[in-house]
Amino acid sequence: MKKVFLLFFMVSFMSCQNDIENFKLNGVISNEEGSPLEGIEVKVICWYYGNSPDQSYSGEETKKAITNNTGKYEMEFEKGAFIEILVDKSRFSKVHETLYITNKTHTFNIKMKVK
């Protein structure tokens, strides 16, 4: 019975997923002490459903941004449901984070750890 309920819950949750139109992503990248890091490239892969009949991702859009002197980055996407955030700087550990898009604006701050 628990398996049936879990399956029903997962199918219901997945069927409720929709693309969020015209959303913005921003954040600050800093070191472990909280000091902002300038010139860090942030790569974001934004996955969207489009008109997919089976609720699978039908496409993606990739954008890159460079942090400014206060460590801030920002970008806008036409639509999306799920994003991957990738940051790779030689003296820091790589960052690969994922999240579902639920609002028109997301703030995602990252603290980079020295290798």
Protein backbone atom coordinates (compact mmCIF):
# COMPACT_ATOMS: atom_id res chain seq x y z
CA MET A 1 0.00 0.00 0.00
CA LYS A 2 2.86 2.39 0.82
CA LYS A 3 4.39 1.80 -2.63
CA VAL A 4 1.11 2.66 -4.35
CA PHE A 5 0.78 5.87 -2.32
CA LEU A 6 4.39 6.84 -3.02
CA LEU A 7 3.95 6.21 -6.74
CA PHE A 8 0.73 8.26 -6.78
CA PHE A 9 2.47 11.12 -4.92
CA MET A 10 5.43 11.15 -7.31
CA VAL A 11 3.23 11.11 -10.42
CA SER A 12 1.05 13.90 -8.99
CA PHE A 13 4.11 16.01 -8.13
CA MET A 14 5.68 15.54 -11.54
CA SER A 15 2.48 16.39 -13.37
CA CYS A 16 2.30 19.72 -11.52
CA GLN A 17 5.68 20.87 -12.80
CA ASN A 18 5.50 23.81 -15.18
CA ASP A 19 7.97 26.16 -16.74
CA ILE A 20 8.39 29.49 -15.00
CA GLU A 21 8.32 32.27 -17.60
CA ASN A 22 10.83 35.14 -17.62
CA PHE A 23 12.72 34.33 -14.46
CA LYS A 24 15.88 35.91 -13.11
CA LEU A 25 18.76 34.23 -11.32
CA ASN A 26 21.25 36.19 -9.24
CA GLY A 27 23.63 35.70 -6.38
CA VAL A 28 27.01 36.47 -4.87
CA ILE A 29 30.08 34.28 -5.01
CA SER A 30 32.43 34.64 -2.08
CA ASN A 31 35.29 32.79 -0.43
CA GLU A 32 34.89 30.87 2.84
CA GLU A 33 35.46 34.04 4.86
CA GLY A 34 32.64 35.82 3.01
CA SER A 35 34.78 38.14 0.88
CA PRO A 36 33.30 38.57 -2.62
CA LEU A 37 35.18 37.03 -5.55
CA GLU A 38 35.45 39.10 -8.72
CA GLY A 39 35.91 37.64 -12.21
CA ILE A 40 34.46 34.21 -11.47
CA GLU A 41 32.62 32.59 -14.39
CA VAL A 42 29.21 31.13 -13.54
CA LYS A 43 27.71 28.71 -16.05
CA VAL A 44 24.00 27.92 -15.79
CA ILE A 45 22.13 25.27 -17.74
CA CYS A 46 18.40 25.90 -17.66
CA TRP A 47 16.14 22.95 -18.54
CA TYR A 48 12.54 23.51 -19.60
CA TYR A 49 9.48 21.39 -20.38
CA GLY A 50 8.09 23.37 -23.29
CA ASN A 51 5.11 21.42 -24.62
CA SER A 52 6.45 18.01 -23.66
CA PRO A 53 3.50 15.57 -23.40
CA ASP A 54 5.33 13.21 -21.03
CA GLN A 55 6.62 15.93 -18.65
CA SER A 56 10.24 15.33 -19.62
CA TYR A 57 12.56 18.23 -20.35
CA SER A 58 12.24 19.18 -24.00
CA GLY A 59 15.13 21.61 -24.19
CA GLU A 60 17.79 23.63 -22.45
CA GLU A 61 19.48 27.00 -22.60
CA THR A 62 23.01 27.65 -21.35
CA LYS A 63 24.26 31.05 -20.22
CA LYS A 64 27.44 32.34 -18.61
CA ALA A 65 28.05 35.36 -16.41
CA ILE A 66 31.15 36.84 -14.78
CA THR A 67 30.99 38.15 -11.23
CA ASN A 68 31.53 41.88 -10.76
CA ASN A 69 33.71 43.57 -8.13
CA THR A 70 31.13 42.77 -5.41
CA GLY A 71 30.99 39.08 -6.41
CA LYS A 72 27.52 39.46 -7.90
CA TYR A 73 26.25 37.65 -10.98
CA GLU A 74 22.86 37.75 -12.65
CA MET A 75 21.10 36.39 -15.71
CA GLU A 76 17.62 36.06 -17.17
CA PHE A 77 15.90 33.16 -18.93
CA GLU A 78 12.74 33.09 -21.04
CA LYS A 79 11.48 29.96 -19.31
CA GLY A 80 12.69 27.09 -17.19
CA ALA A 81 11.88 24.41 -14.65
CA PHE A 82 15.27 23.16 -13.42
CA ILE A 83 18.76 24.65 -13.40
CA GLU A 84 22.30 23.44 -12.97
CA ILE A 85 24.85 25.93 -11.67
CA LEU A 86 28.52 25.23 -12.42
CA VAL A 87 31.49 27.19 -11.09
CA ASP A 88 35.06 26.05 -11.73
CA LYS A 89 38.03 28.19 -10.71
CA SER A 90 41.50 26.64 -10.52
CA ARG A 91 42.37 27.32 -6.88
CA PHE A 92 38.87 26.50 -5.58
CA SER A 93 36.87 23.29 -5.39
CA LYS A 94 34.38 22.88 -8.23
CA VAL A 95 30.75 23.73 -7.53
CA HIS A 96 27.84 21.91 -9.20
CA GLU A 97 24.46 22.73 -7.70
CA THR A 98 20.95 22.00 -8.95
CA LEU A 99 17.55 23.37 -8.09
CA TYR A 100 13.98 23.47 -9.28
CA ILE A 101 12.65 26.85 -10.30
CA THR A 102 9.61 27.86 -8.29
CA ASN A 103 9.65 31.68 -8.42
CA LYS A 104 10.27 34.37 -11.01
CA THR A 105 13.40 35.43 -9.11
CA HIS A 106 15.95 33.15 -7.49
CA THR A 107 18.93 34.22 -5.43
CA PHE A 108 21.64 31.58 -5.18
CA ASN A 109 24.77 32.54 -3.24
CA ILE A 110 27.87 30.34 -3.36
CA LYS A 111 30.84 30.11 -0.98
CA MET A 112 33.93 28.78 -2.73
CA LYS A 113 36.27 26.51 -0.78
CA VAL A 114 40.02 26.65 -1.39
CA LYS A 115 41.47 23.31 -2.56
